[in-house]
């Protein structure tokens, strides 16, 4: 079910009988109609297996199952909201950045070492985002949260994208990531320590970058 953007910090979803969506706990702002909200410990459509890795790493983000018939408005902490529409592909996103997503999407957990090898693991340690990331696959919509809004940057085979790890929100497509160190421009002008680490994304796809380096 598509989300309707109400403003930069709120979205609305229409829930119909036989359909469901999942949201982060505490994300419901208001609703109309006969709608129920149930704590979900099964990891969404992917089942309990999709959450095992996060449980071990203590990185699970509690979800609510939303069902019934009505209209529900979502937002959380005044964060900006960005909607991603999936058409059979996979979105890789940090669990704490998920606001709400279509119940038809299959949720999984990917070990960061699977993308970028050891450097993928290092990225999790350095950024504080953990060693696992959430995957959402299929046809449906995802509402993600960010500081200061989100921009979409295309990733091409001949033009990788370098992102400050704290500004990274999510990515989709056939993308590889690795963490590298670099001398930032601030060292050159003596204004600070610079961006000691950069997340390099290469391949073919899209990366979503937030306007602030602050964590949620």
Protein backbone atom coordinates (compact mmCIF):
# COMPACT_ATOMS: atom_id res chain seq x y z
CA UNK A 1 0.00 0.00 0.00
CA UNK A 2 1.48 3.38 -0.91
CA UNK A 3 2.10 6.04 1.71
CA UNK A 4 0.72 9.54 1.24
CA UNK A 5 3.17 12.24 2.29
CA UNK A 6 1.32 14.75 4.48
CA UNK A 7 4.36 16.93 5.15
CA UNK A 8 8.10 16.44 5.53
CA UNK A 9 7.63 14.65 8.86
CA UNK A 10 4.36 12.74 8.51
CA UNK A 11 2.89 10.11 6.20
CA UNK A 12 -0.52 8.44 5.99
CA UNK A 13 -1.40 4.87 5.05
CA UNK A 14 -4.79 3.42 4.19
CA UNK A 15 -5.37 0.03 5.81
CA UNK A 16 -7.95 -2.36 4.35
CA UNK A 17 -9.27 -5.70 5.63
CA UNK A 18 -6.90 -8.53 4.76
CA UNK A 19 -3.94 -6.16 4.53
CA UNK A 20 -1.33 -5.28 7.10
CA UNK A 21 1.65 -3.06 7.60
CA UNK A 22 4.40 -2.86 10.16
CA UNK A 23 5.57 0.24 11.98
CA UNK A 24 8.12 1.15 14.58
CA UNK A 25 6.58 1.21 18.03
CA UNK A 26 5.54 4.70 19.02
CA UNK A 27 5.29 5.84 15.38
CA UNK A 28 1.48 6.06 15.24
CA UNK A 29 0.38 9.68 15.55
CA UNK A 30 -3.36 9.39 14.85
CA UNK A 31 -5.83 7.14 13.10
CA UNK A 32 -9.42 6.94 11.88
CA UNK A 33 -11.54 3.83 11.54
CA UNK A 34 -11.33 0.37 13.07
CA UNK A 35 -7.57 -0.23 13.28
CA UNK A 36 -5.66 -2.50 15.65
CA UNK A 37 -2.03 -2.26 16.76
CA UNK A 38 -0.34 -5.42 18.01
CA UNK A 39 3.26 -5.84 19.25
CA UNK A 40 5.17 -7.96 16.75
CA UNK A 41 8.12 -10.11 17.83
CA UNK A 42 8.34 -12.23 14.68
CA UNK A 43 10.37 -9.87 12.51
CA UNK A 44 7.59 -8.96 10.07
CA UNK A 45 6.95 -10.98 6.92
CA UNK A 46 10.31 -12.72 7.17
CA UNK A 47 9.39 -14.59 10.34
CA UNK A 48 11.40 -15.26 13.44
CA UNK A 49 14.45 -16.42 11.48
CA UNK A 50 14.91 -12.97 9.98
CA UNK A 51 15.43 -11.49 13.45
CA UNK A 52 17.79 -14.05 14.99
CA UNK A 53 20.91 -12.13 14.01
CA UNK A 54 19.60 -8.91 15.48
CA UNK A 55 18.50 -10.59 18.70
CA UNK A 56 22.00 -12.02 19.15
CA UNK A 57 23.55 -8.62 18.49
CA UNK A 58 20.94 -6.80 20.62
CA UNK A 59 19.98 -4.69 17.60
CA UNK A 60 16.29 -5.49 17.20
CA UNK A 61 13.87 -2.60 16.67
CA UNK A 62 10.41 -3.41 18.13
CA UNK A 63 7.62 -3.43 15.55
CA UNK A 64 3.87 -3.06 15.63
CA UNK A 65 1.52 -4.95 13.33
CA UNK A 66 -1.18 -2.61 12.00
CA UNK A 67 -4.42 -4.18 10.70
CA UNK A 68 -8.07 -3.35 10.20
CA UNK A 69 -9.88 -0.76 8.15
CA UNK A 70 -9.00 2.90 8.28
CA UNK A 71 -6.40 5.58 7.87
CA UNK A 72 -3.23 5.79 10.00
CA UNK A 73 -0.77 8.67 10.28
CA UNK A 74 2.86 7.98 11.16
CA UNK A 75 5.80 10.07 12.33
CA UNK A 76 8.47 9.77 14.99
CA UNK A 77 10.59 12.21 16.96
CA UNK A 78 10.08 15.00 14.45
CA UNK A 79 12.41 13.25 11.99
CA UNK A 80 12.03 13.85 8.28
CA UNK A 81 10.32 11.03 6.42
CA UNK A 82 11.19 9.70 2.98
CA UNK A 83 9.13 7.11 1.07
CA UNK A 84 10.80 4.43 -1.05
CA UNK A 85 8.65 2.42 -3.49
CA UNK A 86 10.01 -1.05 -4.24
CA UNK A 87 9.12 -2.88 -7.44
CA UNK A 88 10.52 -6.33 -6.78
CA UNK A 89 13.98 -5.20 -5.66
CA UNK A 90 15.60 -5.09 -2.22
CA UNK A 91 16.16 -2.17 0.12
CA UNK A 92 19.04 -2.35 2.62
CA UNK A 93 18.25 -0.10 5.58
CA UNK A 94 19.23 0.31 9.23
CA UNK A 95 16.39 -0.99 11.43
CA UNK A 96 16.22 2.14 13.58
CA UNK A 97 15.54 4.21 10.46
CA UNK A 98 12.38 2.29 9.58
CA UNK A 99 9.18 4.20 10.29
CA UNK A 100 6.67 1.90 8.59
CA UNK A 101 6.53 -0.52 5.68
CA UNK A 102 4.10 -2.56 3.63
CA UNK A 103 3.25 -5.95 5.11
CA UNK A 104 3.69 -7.62 1.72
CA UNK A 105 7.44 -6.97 1.83
CA UNK A 106 9.66 -9.78 3.01
CA UNK A 107 11.97 -8.74 5.81
CA UNK A 108 15.36 -10.28 6.39
CA UNK A 109 18.64 -9.63 8.15
CA UNK A 110 21.97 -9.43 6.37
CA UNK A 111 25.35 -9.74 8.05
CA UNK A 112 27.37 -6.71 6.98
CA UNK A 113 30.38 -8.93 6.33
CA UNK A 114 28.45 -10.33 3.38
CA UNK A 115 28.86 -7.01 1.59
CA UNK A 116 32.34 -5.65 1.64
CA UNK A 117 33.89 -8.58 3.54
CA UNK A 118 35.82 -7.58 6.62
CA UNK A 119 35.40 -3.91 5.77
CA UNK A 120 31.66 -4.35 5.98
CA UNK A 121 32.10 -5.59 9.53
CA UNK A 122 34.38 -2.68 10.36
CA UNK A 123 31.76 -0.27 9.05
CA UNK A 124 29.28 -1.62 11.56
CA UNK A 125 31.70 -1.18 14.41
CA UNK A 126 32.80 2.33 13.41
CA UNK A 127 29.37 3.77 12.66
CA UNK A 128 27.65 2.21 15.64
CA UNK A 129 24.96 0.83 13.32
CA UNK A 130 25.83 -2.75 14.21
CA UNK A 131 26.99 -5.76 12.23
CA UNK A 132 23.58 -6.49 10.75
CA UNK A 133 21.28 -4.51 8.47
CA UNK A 134 17.63 -5.04 7.56
CA UNK A 135 16.55 -6.07 4.08
CA UNK A 136 13.06 -5.45 2.66
CA UNK A 137 12.25 -7.21 -0.60
CA UNK A 138 9.26 -7.30 -2.94
CA UNK A 139 6.58 -4.93 -4.16
CA UNK A 140 5.51 -2.26 -1.71
CA UNK A 141 6.40 0.98 0.04
CA UNK A 142 8.78 1.81 2.87
CA UNK A 143 8.82 5.00 4.95
CA UNK A 144 12.26 5.74 6.39
CA UNK A 145 13.38 8.42 8.83
CA UNK A 146 16.31 10.80 8.52
CA UNK A 147 17.75 14.04 9.87
CA UNK A 148 17.17 17.06 7.66
CA UNK A 149 15.64 15.23 4.71
CA UNK A 150 17.00 12.70 2.21
CA UNK A 151 18.56 12.91 -1.22
CA UNK A 152 18.86 10.02 -3.69
CA UNK A 153 22.24 9.58 -5.36
CA UNK A 154 22.60 7.22 -8.33
CA UNK A 155 25.41 4.65 -8.18
CA UNK A 156 26.91 3.66 -11.52
CA UNK A 157 29.56 1.14 -12.50
CA UNK A 158 31.85 3.92 -13.66
CA UNK A 159 31.02 6.31 -10.83
CA UNK A 160 30.94 4.99 -7.24
CA UNK A 161 29.56 7.18 -4.47
CA UNK A 162 31.43 8.02 -1.26
CA UNK A 163 29.26 8.75 1.78
CA UNK A 164 30.00 9.74 5.34
CA UNK A 165 28.89 6.62 7.26
CA UNK A 166 26.81 8.71 9.66
CA UNK A 167 24.93 10.27 6.72
CA UNK A 168 24.06 6.89 5.20
CA UNK A 169 20.37 5.90 5.46
CA UNK A 170 19.81 3.04 3.00
CA UNK A 171 20.60 1.72 -0.46
CA UNK A 172 19.08 -0.49 -3.14
CA UNK A 173 20.31 -2.30 -6.23
CA UNK A 174 23.35 -4.42 -7.03
CA UNK A 175 25.67 -2.47 -4.78
CA UNK A 176 28.88 -3.34 -2.96
CA UNK A 177 30.13 -1.35 0.01
CA UNK A 178 33.46 -0.96 1.72
CA UNK A 179 34.88 1.34 4.34
CA UNK A 180 37.99 3.34 3.60
CA UNK A 181 40.05 5.95 5.39
CA UNK A 182 40.81 9.28 3.79
CA UNK A 183 42.44 12.59 4.60
CA UNK A 184 39.60 15.07 4.87
CA UNK A 185 39.77 18.63 3.61
CA UNK A 186 39.60 19.86 7.19
CA UNK A 187 43.11 18.53 7.85
CA UNK A 188 44.35 20.51 4.88
CA UNK A 189 42.98 23.78 6.21
CA UNK A 190 43.52 22.99 9.89
CA UNK A 191 39.85 23.10 10.89
CA UNK A 192 39.36 19.73 12.48
CA UNK A 193 39.96 16.02 12.19
CA UNK A 194 38.09 15.57 8.92
CA UNK A 195 36.04 12.59 7.80
CA UNK A 196 38.32 9.78 8.93
CA UNK A 197 36.14 7.14 7.26
CA UNK A 198 34.17 7.03 4.04
CA UNK A 199 31.65 4.45 2.90
CA UNK A 200 32.27 3.65 -0.76
CA UNK A 201 29.31 2.22 -2.69
CA UNK A 202 29.93 0.81 -6.14
CA UNK A 203 27.93 -1.11 -8.72
CA UNK A 204 24.47 -0.17 -9.95
CA UNK A 205 21.77 1.28 -7.76
CA UNK A 206 20.77 4.15 -5.48
CA UNK A 207 21.95 5.35 -2.07
CA UNK A 208 19.82 7.48 0.25
CA UNK A 209 21.76 10.13 2.17
CA UNK A 210 20.50 12.30 5.00
CA UNK A 211 21.34 15.97 5.32
CA UNK A 212 22.82 15.63 8.81
CA UNK A 213 25.49 13.37 10.26
CA UNK A 214 23.54 13.00 13.50
CA UNK A 215 22.30 9.57 14.55
CA UNK A 216 18.62 8.94 15.21
